[in-house]
Every structure is written in structure tokens, then in C-alpha cells.
Amino acid sequence: MLFPSVPFLFYFLPIFLALYALIPARNAVLLAGSILFYAWGDLANLWVLGLSMGFTYGVGLRVAGNRRWLAAGVTGQLLLLSIFKYGGFILATLAGLVPSAPLAADSAPSLPLGISFFTFHALSYLIDVYRGAAPPARRFSDLALYILLFPQLIAGPIVRFHSLHRQIARRWLTLGRFRIGAELLLIGLLQKLVLADTLAKPVDAIYALDPAWLSTKLAWIAASLYTLQLYLDFSGYSHMAMGLALMLGFRFPRNFNYPLRATSVTDFWRHWHISLSRWFRDYLYLPLGGSRTGKARTILNLAIVFLLCGLWHGAGWNFILWGAYNGAFLIVERLVPRLTSLPRPLGQMYTLLVTIIGLVLIRVGDLAEAMRVYTAMLGAAQPEFITSAERFLSASTLAAMGIAALSILPIARLRPRTSFTTPRWPWGRFILGVVALGWIGMILAQGSYSPFLYFRF
């Protein structure tokens, strides 16, 4: 079940919120709702999630200060992730190296929904307990609630156990928090359904063309639109998660902070998928030595972190290469510090260009296709047919581009809210929210129609 869907928005969420407000045992309601939420989307692999939680709970009771139990817990979680997420990739790679070997990528188990996120949550729990940053969960239900909490279960952000375990025991439900949470949920829905999904249509159409038709102009349009689409998609889901959490009384950390306004690649990774960047920093980069052990070791540590970061995003050589690509720029910026202090317009242009070029590796299916796209972007391709770019730039696409461009303009970043109380209900916002939710409902009900269907340009 996905957040921007009719079953979630108009069936699951209203019923769940009513039960959550009326039944005093809120943790039990939340746990049951989260199990139903996951089972609705991937019932066949629910046992994998249960196995991961049971193993984590058992190890967590013994891991405090015990390096051997920590090693066992981390190894077990990574083994589970490797089998289910990377099994097919490993078999395909081995089959390519040894053609005569009886290996088949399709024999790998199916990918459980959200396995990257619930594995990293489990690892966060084990490491926090080992370090003494949080007490072990004495009741299995407390650990299960941390991992299963449905706003973060399948799309993040990656919330640390040490920042959430007190909220599991005690949290406050207020009208102010609920209102702000509803606003964030609505913002995320609009980012995803109105902007990201609109931009996805020309991107899909351009990449579906025969490679012989891909001109330089089309290649750059597709790569640029995909950068906006991916950002709005990720940011939309993060806003939805933050909003849902606030409606339930939880506070999640901000996950995106206008990364497309970054002035260097280093700055970009401080504002893009913040929870993932900090996870790798605190649980991998700093334990490896960070930047405290000399320049050569710092370069090695950055390379390791970003190779694994790329692999975390997907099981494929294109993801590994994307991680190496980003790591290489971070290493260069360490070696040439002037790149991180360029004049703001120049720094933003440089960072945006690096980002657009790199994300082609995420969008395309394989390295051969990526090379064809890069060849077109460099102007080295000679398209057999000239396809008009205007064919893909409809009025709705241009409107979505214009709104999305606000995330790039060099204006000051907004500070996150620190207060979640309000003296009175803002009825104007409420009415606008109801209208917007009705519009979202029409978009979902119409299916393939453009979200700009009800406006004329």
C-alpha cells in the first residue's frame, strides 16, 4: 500500500485515525495498523520482516557493550539483505563471469517491500544499544513498533532508535501537531502526484524512444526533468512520512532541505536524503576513521562509503557506478577545497550539472544504455530521425517545471519549524486542504489523466 493511493488515503487512513483517537491503547492500534499496512503491500514476504525483527530483538538483549554479539547482529542483518536484495545481482554477475555455471538470476528470492529501510532501522537499533545511546527494548512490541511504524516502513526517513524510543513510550497528540502534520502530508501528496508524476511522463516517453532518435537536446531535457522528478518524488514521500508521524504524535527529522540549491557536491549530500547521509556518516564513515587518520585514509573511507551508498540504492552496476561517481567528486572537493567555496551562482551551476549527469545512471536500465545517453548529451550522436522537443513539453509539463524550479532558485532555505502548537484552527488553510485533497482524489480516480486536467493553460 502506497501513501498516494485511494486505499490508503480514503479507506485505511481515516479508519485508522478514528481508532487511534478513540482507543486508549494507542501503541497496540499503531502496531496492528502497521502490520496491516505492510501485509496489504507484501503479504508473501511478511515472514522476512518478522524474522528480521525476531533476530534483532534476541541479539538486542545481549548486545550492550558486547562486540561479538554486535558482529553477529550486523552480520545476520547484512546476510538477510544480501540474500533478498542482492541475490539476483550476484547470480547474474557470476553467470556473466562463468557462462557454463548453472546460475540463474530469476532463481533469486523476491524482493521484500522496504527491506533496505527496515534493515537499516534494525542496524541502527543494535548499534545504538551497543554504544549505550539507548536502552534495549525489553518488550518485543516496542522494537516491533519502532521498525514497523508505517510512516517510515517502506520509504524512510531512517529514524534512529535513540531518537524514537522515548516517543514510543510517551508522546503528545495535539490539534496543532495534527494540523501541521496534515499540511505536510498534503504538501507531499502534491509534490508526488501533481509535480513528480507529471514530469515523469515526458521522461518516460523520451527514454522509451529508439536510441537512434535521441538528440542532444532531448537527452538534456530528459536528464534535467528526471532530476526534478526524482527530487520531488523522494521529497514528497519524506513530507508525507513526516506529516503522518506528526498526526500520530511523533517527530521525524527533516530528510530534504533544498538540495538542488547546493553550492558543492559536499553541500548537496548534506541536504539530500539527510537521514541516509547521516546514517552512513555515523555508523560507517566515522567508525572507519573519518577524516582523522590522514588524507589517504580519508579518501579510502569516502570511496568505501559511497560505493556502499550506491549499492544501497539498488542492486546493479549502474548504482555502484553512481555511488563511485559521487564519491569521486567528494574526494576531489577534499583535495581542491576551492571547489566548495565558489561564488554562489557558479557553485550552484557546477553542482546541478554534476547531479543531472550522475542521475542518468539511476534512471537508465544498464550501462550500455547510459553510454548511449551520455553520447547524445555530449553531442557526439547523429540521430537518424529528428524528434521535436516541443512534442514532450506540454502545458502541464511546463507548469510543473515552473513550480519545481522554485526548489532551484538561489533563495534562502527555510528553517524547519520548532513549535507544533497553535492557538486556533486556521479555517482558511483547512478549506484549501479539503479542496486539494478532493483534487488529489480525482487524480487518483482518473488514473492516467494529467493532474492538470482541471486547469486550462
Protein backbone atom coordinates (compact mmCIF):
# COMPACT_ATOMS: atom_id res chain seq x y z
CA MET A 1 0.00 0.00 0.00
CA LEU A 2 1.41 3.38 -1.00
CA PHE A 3 0.62 6.73 0.60
CA PRO A 4 -0.62 8.39 -2.63
CA SER A 5 -3.32 5.81 -3.32
CA VAL A 6 -7.08 5.59 -2.90
CA PRO A 7 -6.97 2.59 -0.50
CA PHE A 8 -4.59 4.39 1.85
CA LEU A 9 -5.99 7.93 1.75
CA PHE A 10 -9.70 7.19 1.67
CA TYR A 11 -10.01 3.84 3.47
CA PHE A 12 -7.03 2.87 5.63
CA LEU A 13 -6.03 6.29 6.98
CA PRO A 14 -9.48 7.63 8.06
CA ILE A 15 -10.43 4.34 9.78
CA PHE A 16 -7.03 4.03 11.41
CA LEU A 17 -7.02 7.62 12.70
CA ALA A 18 -10.50 7.17 14.17
CA LEU A 19 -9.44 4.01 16.04
CA TYR A 20 -6.17 5.64 17.10
CA ALA A 21 -8.02 8.59 18.61
CA LEU A 22 -10.75 6.55 20.33
CA ILE A 23 -8.87 3.53 21.72
CA PRO A 24 -6.59 4.30 24.70
CA ALA A 25 -4.08 1.54 23.83
CA ARG A 26 -2.58 3.61 21.02
CA ASN A 27 0.62 1.58 20.64
CA ALA A 28 -1.41 -1.60 20.11
CA VAL A 29 -3.57 0.15 17.49
CA LEU A 30 -0.47 1.54 15.78
CA LEU A 31 1.27 -1.83 15.74
CA ALA A 32 -1.79 -3.61 14.34
CA GLY A 33 -2.28 -0.89 11.73
CA SER A 34 1.38 -1.04 10.69
CA ILE A 35 1.22 -4.84 10.28
CA LEU A 36 -1.90 -4.46 8.13
CA PHE A 37 -0.23 -1.70 6.12
CA TYR A 38 2.77 -3.92 5.30
CA ALA A 39 0.73 -7.07 4.72
CA TRP A 40 -1.51 -5.20 2.28
CA GLY A 41 1.53 -4.39 0.13
CA ASP A 42 3.61 -7.56 0.53
CA LEU A 43 1.88 -10.32 2.49
CA ALA A 44 4.07 -13.02 0.94
CA ASN A 45 7.25 -11.56 2.49
CA LEU A 46 5.81 -10.59 5.87
CA TRP A 47 7.71 -13.55 7.34
CA VAL A 48 11.03 -11.97 6.26
CA LEU A 49 10.21 -8.83 8.23
CA GLY A 50 9.16 -10.97 11.20
CA LEU A 51 12.39 -12.99 11.01
CA SER A 52 14.46 -9.80 10.93
CA MET A 53 12.63 -8.36 13.95
CA GLY A 54 12.85 -11.58 15.97
CA PHE A 55 16.57 -11.89 15.32
CA THR A 56 17.14 -8.22 16.14
CA TYR A 57 15.19 -8.48 19.39
CA GLY A 58 17.15 -11.54 20.57
CA VAL A 59 20.52 -10.01 19.77
CA GLY A 60 19.49 -6.63 21.20
CA LEU A 61 19.00 -8.13 24.67
CA ARG A 62 22.67 -9.21 24.73
CA VAL A 63 24.47 -6.64 22.56
CA ALA A 64 25.09 -3.83 25.06
CA GLY A 65 28.87 -3.41 25.20
CA ASN A 66 29.41 -6.86 23.67
CA ARG A 67 31.38 -6.67 20.41
CA ARG A 68 30.77 -10.32 19.48
CA TRP A 69 27.01 -10.01 19.72
CA LEU A 70 27.17 -6.78 17.71
CA ALA A 71 29.19 -8.55 15.00
CA ALA A 72 26.65 -11.40 14.98
CA GLY A 73 23.72 -8.98 14.72
CA VAL A 74 25.24 -6.88 11.96
CA THR A 75 26.33 -9.98 10.02
CA GLY A 76 22.87 -11.53 10.27
CA GLN A 77 21.10 -8.39 9.06
CA LEU A 78 23.51 -7.86 6.17
CA LEU A 79 23.23 -11.53 5.20
CA LEU A 80 19.44 -11.23 5.06
CA LEU A 81 19.74 -8.05 2.96
CA SER A 82 22.29 -9.69 0.64
CA ILE A 83 20.15 -12.77 0.01
CA PHE A 84 16.90 -10.98 -0.73
CA LYS A 85 18.06 -7.72 -2.34
CA TYR A 86 21.33 -8.66 -4.00
CA GLY A 87 20.84 -12.38 -4.67
CA GLY A 88 19.74 -11.89 -8.26
CA PHE A 89 22.50 -9.35 -8.94
CA ILE A 90 25.17 -11.67 -7.52
CA LEU A 91 23.90 -14.65 -9.53
CA ALA A 92 23.74 -12.58 -12.73
CA THR A 93 27.27 -11.30 -12.18
CA LEU A 94 28.61 -14.82 -11.54
CA ALA A 95 26.76 -16.13 -14.60
CA GLY A 96 28.46 -13.44 -16.68
CA LEU A 97 31.89 -14.41 -15.34
CA VAL A 98 31.31 -18.16 -15.65
CA PRO A 99 28.87 -18.74 -18.54
CA SER A 100 28.92 -22.52 -18.12
CA ALA A 101 27.84 -22.35 -14.47
CA PRO A 102 24.19 -23.36 -13.81
CA LEU A 103 23.21 -19.98 -12.33
CA ALA A 104 20.00 -18.10 -12.97
CA ALA A 105 19.18 -14.64 -11.70
CA ASP A 106 15.46 -15.44 -11.77
CA SER A 107 16.02 -18.14 -9.15
CA ALA A 108 16.76 -15.46 -6.53
CA PRO A 109 14.00 -14.81 -3.94
CA SER A 110 11.57 -11.95 -4.47
CA LEU A 111 12.49 -8.57 -3.01
CA PRO A 112 10.61 -7.85 0.24
CA LEU A 113 8.98 -4.43 0.39
CA GLY A 114 11.12 -1.85 2.19
CA ILE A 115 13.92 -4.28 3.10
CA SER A 116 16.61 -1.59 2.79
CA PHE A 117 14.80 0.62 5.28
CA PHE A 118 13.83 -1.97 7.90
CA THR A 119 17.33 -3.48 7.76
CA PHE A 120 18.96 -0.10 8.38
CA HIS A 121 16.50 0.56 11.21
CA ALA A 122 17.44 -2.77 12.77
CA LEU A 123 21.16 -1.99 12.43
CA SER A 124 20.59 1.45 13.97
CA TYR A 125 18.89 -0.20 16.95
CA LEU A 126 21.68 -2.74 17.51
CA ILE A 127 24.47 -0.17 17.22
CA ASP A 128 22.69 2.36 19.45
CA VAL A 129 22.17 -0.27 22.15
CA TYR A 130 25.78 -1.48 21.83
CA ARG A 131 27.09 2.07 22.26
CA GLY A 132 24.79 2.77 25.18
CA ALA A 133 22.97 5.54 23.30
CA ALA A 134 19.64 3.82 24.03
CA PRO A 135 18.43 1.00 26.29
CA PRO A 136 17.47 -2.34 24.74
CA ALA A 137 13.79 -2.90 24.10
CA ARG A 138 12.62 -5.18 26.91
CA ARG A 139 9.31 -5.85 25.20
CA PHE A 140 9.23 -7.21 21.67
CA SER A 141 6.27 -4.95 20.90
CA ASP A 142 8.41 -1.82 21.47
CA LEU A 143 11.06 -2.96 18.97
CA ALA A 144 8.37 -4.10 16.52
CA LEU A 145 6.68 -0.72 16.74
CA TYR A 146 9.98 1.09 16.04
CA ILE A 147 10.68 -0.99 12.92
CA LEU A 148 7.08 -1.39 11.72
CA LEU A 149 5.95 2.22 12.26
CA PHE A 150 4.17 2.63 8.93
CA PRO A 151 5.12 6.26 8.08
CA GLN A 152 8.80 5.19 7.86
CA LEU A 153 8.45 1.49 7.00
CA ILE A 154 8.84 1.40 3.22
CA ALA A 155 10.25 4.78 2.18
CA GLY A 156 12.00 6.35 5.16
CA PRO A 157 13.29 8.61 6.52
CA ILE A 158 15.71 6.43 8.50
CA VAL A 159 14.89 7.38 12.09
CA ARG A 160 17.37 6.35 14.80
CA PHE A 161 16.17 4.23 17.69
CA HIS A 162 17.76 6.56 20.25
CA SER A 163 15.62 9.44 18.96
CA LEU A 164 12.36 7.46 18.84
CA HIS A 165 12.30 5.06 21.80
CA ARG A 166 11.12 7.76 24.26
CA GLN A 167 8.35 8.78 21.87
CA ILE A 168 7.16 5.17 21.69
CA ALA A 169 6.67 5.24 25.47
CA ARG A 170 5.21 8.73 25.66
CA ARG A 171 4.12 11.29 23.11
CA TRP A 172 1.64 14.13 22.84
CA LEU A 173 -1.29 14.38 20.46
CA THR A 174 -2.34 17.99 19.96
CA LEU A 175 -4.52 19.79 17.47
CA GLY A 176 -1.51 21.89 16.43
CA ARG A 177 0.62 18.86 15.66
CA PHE A 178 -2.21 17.17 13.78
CA ARG A 179 -2.83 20.30 11.70
CA ILE A 180 0.83 20.76 10.77
CA GLY A 181 1.11 17.03 10.06
CA ALA A 182 -1.89 17.21 7.73
CA GLU A 183 -0.30 20.17 5.93
CA LEU A 184 2.97 18.25 5.46
CA LEU A 185 1.05 15.21 4.20
CA LEU A 186 -0.79 17.38 1.71
CA ILE A 187 2.45 19.06 0.56
CA GLY A 188 3.99 15.64 -0.01
CA LEU A 189 0.98 14.43 -1.96
CA LEU A 190 1.08 17.50 -4.18
CA GLN A 191 4.83 17.08 -4.74
CA LYS A 192 4.39 13.45 -5.74
CA LEU A 193 1.10 13.41 -7.65
CA VAL A 194 0.95 16.88 -9.19
CA LEU A 195 4.61 17.59 -9.91
CA ALA A 196 6.71 14.39 -9.90
CA ASP A 197 4.16 12.25 -11.76
CA THR A 198 3.59 15.00 -14.33
CA LEU A 199 7.31 15.31 -15.01
CA ALA A 200 7.66 11.51 -15.19
CA LYS A 201 5.52 11.32 -18.33
CA PRO A 202 7.89 13.17 -20.72
CA VAL A 203 10.90 11.49 -19.08
CA ASP A 204 9.43 8.04 -19.70
CA ALA A 205 8.43 8.98 -23.23
CA ILE A 206 11.90 10.28 -24.16
CA TYR A 207 13.76 7.30 -22.70
CA ALA A 208 11.33 4.97 -24.45
CA LEU A 209 12.47 6.32 -27.85
CA ASP A 210 14.74 4.29 -30.07
CA PRO A 211 18.32 5.29 -29.14
CA ALA A 212 18.86 6.32 -32.76
CA TRP A 213 16.30 9.09 -32.28
CA LEU A 214 17.85 10.61 -29.16
CA SER A 215 19.21 14.06 -29.93
CA THR A 216 21.40 16.20 -27.68
CA LYS A 217 18.51 18.48 -26.83
CA LEU A 218 16.19 15.60 -25.92
CA ALA A 219 18.87 13.89 -23.84
CA TRP A 220 19.44 17.02 -21.73
CA ILE A 221 15.71 17.69 -21.37
CA ALA A 222 15.11 14.13 -20.14
CA ALA A 223 18.06 14.20 -17.72
CA SER A 224 17.04 17.60 -16.31
CA LEU A 225 13.37 16.67 -15.91
CA TYR A 226 14.33 13.39 -14.26
CA THR A 227 16.43 15.23 -11.68
CA LEU A 228 13.41 17.33 -10.73
CA GLN A 229 11.12 14.30 -10.80
CA LEU A 230 13.35 12.21 -8.54
CA TYR A 231 13.84 15.02 -6.05
CA LEU A 232 10.11 15.76 -5.84
CA ASP A 233 9.32 12.05 -5.59
CA PHE A 234 11.73 11.46 -2.69
CA SER A 235 10.95 14.76 -1.01
CA GLY A 236 7.22 14.13 -1.41
CA TYR A 237 7.40 10.76 0.33
CA SER A 238 9.53 12.27 3.11
CA HIS A 239 7.00 15.07 3.65
CA MET A 240 4.19 12.51 3.74
CA ALA A 241 6.10 10.44 6.33
CA MET A 242 6.84 13.49 8.49
CA GLY A 243 3.22 14.60 8.27
CA LEU A 244 1.78 11.21 9.15
CA ALA A 245 4.20 10.91 12.06
CA LEU A 246 3.14 14.29 13.46
CA MET A 247 -0.52 13.33 13.14
CA LEU A 248 0.30 10.32 15.32
CA GLY A 249 2.29 12.37 17.84
CA PHE A 250 5.82 11.51 16.62
CA ARG A 251 8.52 13.88 15.39
CA PHE A 252 10.67 12.72 12.47
CA PRO A 253 13.81 14.53 11.30
CA ARG A 254 13.77 16.56 8.11
CA ASN A 255 15.06 14.49 5.19
CA PHE A 256 15.44 17.02 2.35
CA ASN A 257 16.42 20.67 2.65
CA TYR A 258 16.50 22.15 -0.87
CA PRO A 259 19.44 20.03 -2.09
CA LEU A 260 19.19 21.41 -5.64
CA ARG A 261 20.32 24.78 -4.27
CA ALA A 262 23.58 23.27 -3.01
CA THR A 263 26.80 25.05 -3.93
CA SER A 264 29.02 21.95 -3.98
CA VAL A 265 28.62 18.17 -4.08
CA THR A 266 29.63 18.08 -0.41
CA ASP A 267 26.86 20.59 0.35
CA PHE A 268 24.44 18.58 -1.78
CA TRP A 269 24.89 15.48 0.36
CA ARG A 270 24.28 17.50 3.50
CA HIS A 271 20.80 18.35 2.19
CA TRP A 272 19.82 15.32 0.06
CA HIS A 273 18.35 12.28 1.88
CA ILE A 274 19.77 13.68 5.12
CA SER A 275 18.83 10.68 7.26
CA LEU A 276 20.69 8.29 4.94
CA SER A 277 23.76 10.55 4.69
CA ARG A 278 23.94 10.83 8.48
CA TRP A 279 23.41 7.09 8.89
CA PHE A 280 26.43 6.34 6.71
CA ARG A 281 28.43 9.08 8.43
CA ASP A 282 27.73 7.94 11.98
CA TYR A 283 27.68 4.16 11.51
CA LEU A 284 30.30 3.68 8.79
CA TYR A 285 32.40 6.72 7.89
CA LEU A 286 33.34 7.78 11.45
CA PRO A 287 33.97 4.21 12.71
CA LEU A 288 36.32 3.74 9.73
CA GLY A 289 38.28 6.75 10.97
CA GLY A 290 36.51 9.56 9.12
CA SER A 291 38.93 12.33 8.22
CA ARG A 292 41.02 11.98 11.39
CA THR A 293 43.59 9.50 10.09
CA GLY A 294 45.25 11.33 7.23
CA LYS A 295 44.40 12.30 3.67
CA ALA A 296 44.92 8.88 2.10
CA ARG A 297 42.70 7.13 4.65
CA THR A 298 40.03 9.84 4.28
CA ILE A 299 39.93 9.24 0.53
CA LEU A 300 39.61 5.47 1.09
CA ASN A 301 36.85 5.96 3.66
CA LEU A 302 34.86 8.23 1.33
CA ALA A 303 35.25 5.73 -1.52
CA ILE A 304 34.00 2.84 0.64
CA VAL A 305 31.05 4.82 1.96
CA PHE A 306 29.83 5.98 -1.44
CA LEU A 307 30.30 2.63 -3.15
CA LEU A 308 28.07 1.12 -0.45
CA CYS A 309 25.70 4.10 -0.67
CA GLY A 310 25.25 3.44 -4.38
CA LEU A 311 24.72 -0.28 -3.74
CA TRP A 312 22.13 0.53 -1.06
CA HIS A 313 20.06 2.42 -3.63
CA GLY A 314 19.85 -0.55 -5.97
CA ALA A 315 21.29 -3.92 -6.98
CA GLY A 316 23.14 -3.12 -10.20
CA TRP A 317 26.43 -1.90 -11.58
CA ASN A 318 24.83 1.38 -12.60
CA PHE A 319 24.03 2.10 -8.93
CA ILE A 320 27.56 1.16 -7.86
CA LEU A 321 28.97 3.44 -10.56
CA TRP A 322 26.67 6.26 -9.44
CA GLY A 323 27.97 5.90 -5.89
CA ALA A 324 31.57 5.89 -7.12
CA TYR A 325 30.82 8.96 -9.26
CA ASN A 326 29.54 10.93 -6.26
CA GLY A 327 32.36 9.70 -4.06
CA ALA A 328 34.90 10.82 -6.66
CA PHE A 329 33.56 14.38 -6.61
CA LEU A 330 33.61 14.47 -2.80
CA ILE A 331 37.21 13.28 -2.88
CA VAL A 332 38.14 15.93 -5.46
CA GLU A 333 36.49 18.61 -3.30
CA ARG A 334 38.56 17.41 -0.33
CA LEU A 335 41.72 17.69 -2.42
CA VAL A 336 40.71 21.02 -4.01
CA PRO A 337 38.85 22.96 -1.26
CA ARG A 338 38.31 25.96 -3.58
CA LEU A 339 35.54 23.95 -5.29
CA THR A 340 33.45 24.20 -2.11
CA SER A 341 33.77 27.99 -1.90
CA LEU A 342 32.93 29.09 -5.43
CA PRO A 343 30.66 32.14 -5.89
CA ARG A 344 27.09 31.01 -5.22
CA PRO A 345 25.75 31.11 -8.82
CA LEU A 346 28.81 29.30 -10.16
CA GLY A 347 28.77 26.75 -7.36
CA GLN A 348 25.09 26.03 -7.91
CA MET A 349 25.57 25.59 -11.66
CA TYR A 350 28.50 23.23 -11.11
CA THR A 351 26.63 21.14 -8.51
CA LEU A 352 23.42 20.96 -10.54
CA LEU A 353 25.35 19.88 -13.63
CA VAL A 354 27.15 17.13 -11.68
CA THR A 355 23.83 15.97 -10.22
CA ILE A 356 21.98 15.88 -13.55
CA ILE A 357 24.75 13.93 -15.28
CA GLY A 358 25.09 11.45 -12.42
CA LEU A 359 21.38 10.66 -12.07
CA VAL A 360 21.26 9.34 -15.64
CA LEU A 361 22.90 6.22 -14.16
CA ILE A 362 19.97 5.81 -11.78
CA ARG A 363 17.30 6.27 -14.44
CA VAL A 364 18.55 4.07 -17.28
CA GLY A 365 18.42 0.29 -17.20
CA ASP A 366 22.04 -0.64 -17.82
CA LEU A 367 25.48 0.78 -18.52
CA ALA A 368 25.21 0.32 -22.29
CA GLU A 369 22.08 2.46 -22.38
CA ALA A 370 23.73 5.02 -20.12
CA MET A 371 26.63 5.31 -22.56
CA ARG A 372 24.19 5.97 -25.41
CA VAL A 373 22.51 8.72 -23.39
CA TYR A 374 25.86 10.27 -22.47
CA THR A 375 26.95 10.13 -26.09
CA ALA A 376 23.83 12.07 -27.05
CA MET A 377 24.35 14.57 -24.21
CA LEU A 378 27.89 15.24 -25.45
CA GLY A 379 26.57 15.93 -28.94
CA ALA A 380 28.52 13.01 -30.42
CA ALA A 381 25.41 11.10 -31.57
CA GLN A 382 23.94 11.53 -35.02
CA PRO A 383 20.19 10.84 -34.66
CA GLU A 384 18.64 9.11 -37.64
CA PHE A 385 15.36 10.94 -37.05
CA ILE A 386 14.86 14.42 -35.63
CA THR A 387 12.18 14.37 -32.94
CA SER A 388 10.77 17.73 -31.91
CA ALA A 389 11.41 18.52 -28.24
CA GLU A 390 8.17 20.52 -28.11
CA ARG A 391 6.30 17.25 -28.55
CA PHE A 392 7.25 16.33 -24.96
CA LEU A 393 6.80 19.77 -23.38
CA SER A 394 3.07 20.07 -22.90
CA ALA A 395 1.43 22.91 -20.99
CA SER A 396 1.10 20.73 -17.88
CA THR A 397 4.78 19.75 -18.07
CA LEU A 398 5.86 23.38 -18.39
CA ALA A 399 3.64 24.33 -15.45
CA ALA A 400 5.12 21.55 -13.30
CA MET A 401 8.63 22.60 -14.37
CA GLY A 402 7.92 26.19 -13.36
CA ILE A 403 6.72 25.18 -9.90
CA ALA A 404 9.56 22.68 -9.46
CA ALA A 405 12.10 25.34 -10.43
CA LEU A 406 11.36 27.05 -7.11
CA SER A 407 13.47 24.32 -5.50
CA ILE A 408 16.49 25.53 -7.50
CA LEU A 409 16.25 29.31 -7.27
CA PRO A 410 19.03 30.73 -5.07
CA ILE A 411 16.83 31.98 -2.24
CA ALA A 412 17.38 31.29 1.45
CA ARG A 413 16.46 27.81 2.68
CA LEU A 414 13.52 27.63 5.04
CA ARG A 415 14.23 26.81 8.65
CA PRO A 416 12.34 23.79 9.97
CA ARG A 417 9.54 24.50 12.43
CA THR A 418 10.38 24.11 16.10
CA SER A 419 6.90 24.73 17.55
CA PHE A 420 3.97 22.42 16.97
CA THR A 421 1.25 24.29 18.84
CA THR A 422 -1.19 26.87 17.58
CA PRO A 423 -3.83 28.88 19.46
CA ARG A 424 -6.63 28.38 16.96
CA TRP A 425 -7.58 26.34 13.91
CA PRO A 426 -6.73 28.12 10.63
CA TRP A 427 -10.01 27.53 8.80
CA GLY A 428 -8.75 29.06 5.55
CA ARG A 429 -5.95 26.51 5.30
CA PHE A 430 -8.35 23.76 6.30
CA ILE A 431 -10.74 24.62 3.45
CA LEU A 432 -7.88 24.80 0.96
CA GLY A 433 -6.65 21.45 2.25
CA VAL A 434 -10.06 19.84 1.73
CA VAL A 435 -10.21 21.23 -1.82
CA ALA A 436 -6.67 19.98 -2.55
CA LEU A 437 -7.46 16.54 -1.10
CA GLY A 438 -10.54 16.34 -3.30
CA TRP A 439 -8.40 17.24 -6.31
CA ILE A 440 -5.91 14.52 -5.35
CA GLY A 441 -8.80 12.07 -5.07
CA MET A 442 -9.89 12.94 -8.63
CA ILE A 443 -6.31 12.48 -9.87
CA LEU A 444 -6.11 9.04 -8.30
CA ALA A 445 -9.56 8.06 -9.50
CA GLN A 446 -8.83 9.19 -13.07
CA GLY A 447 -5.65 7.13 -13.12
CA SER A 448 -3.83 8.00 -16.32
CA TYR A 449 -5.13 11.56 -16.68
CA SER A 450 -2.90 14.53 -16.09
CA PRO A 451 -3.23 16.23 -12.68
CA PHE A 452 -3.51 19.50 -14.61
CA LEU A 453 -6.63 18.19 -16.38
CA TYR A 454 -8.90 20.58 -14.49
CA PHE A 455 -6.95 23.71 -15.43
CA ARG A 456 -6.61 25.38 -18.80
CA PHE A 457 -3.30 26.95 -19.90
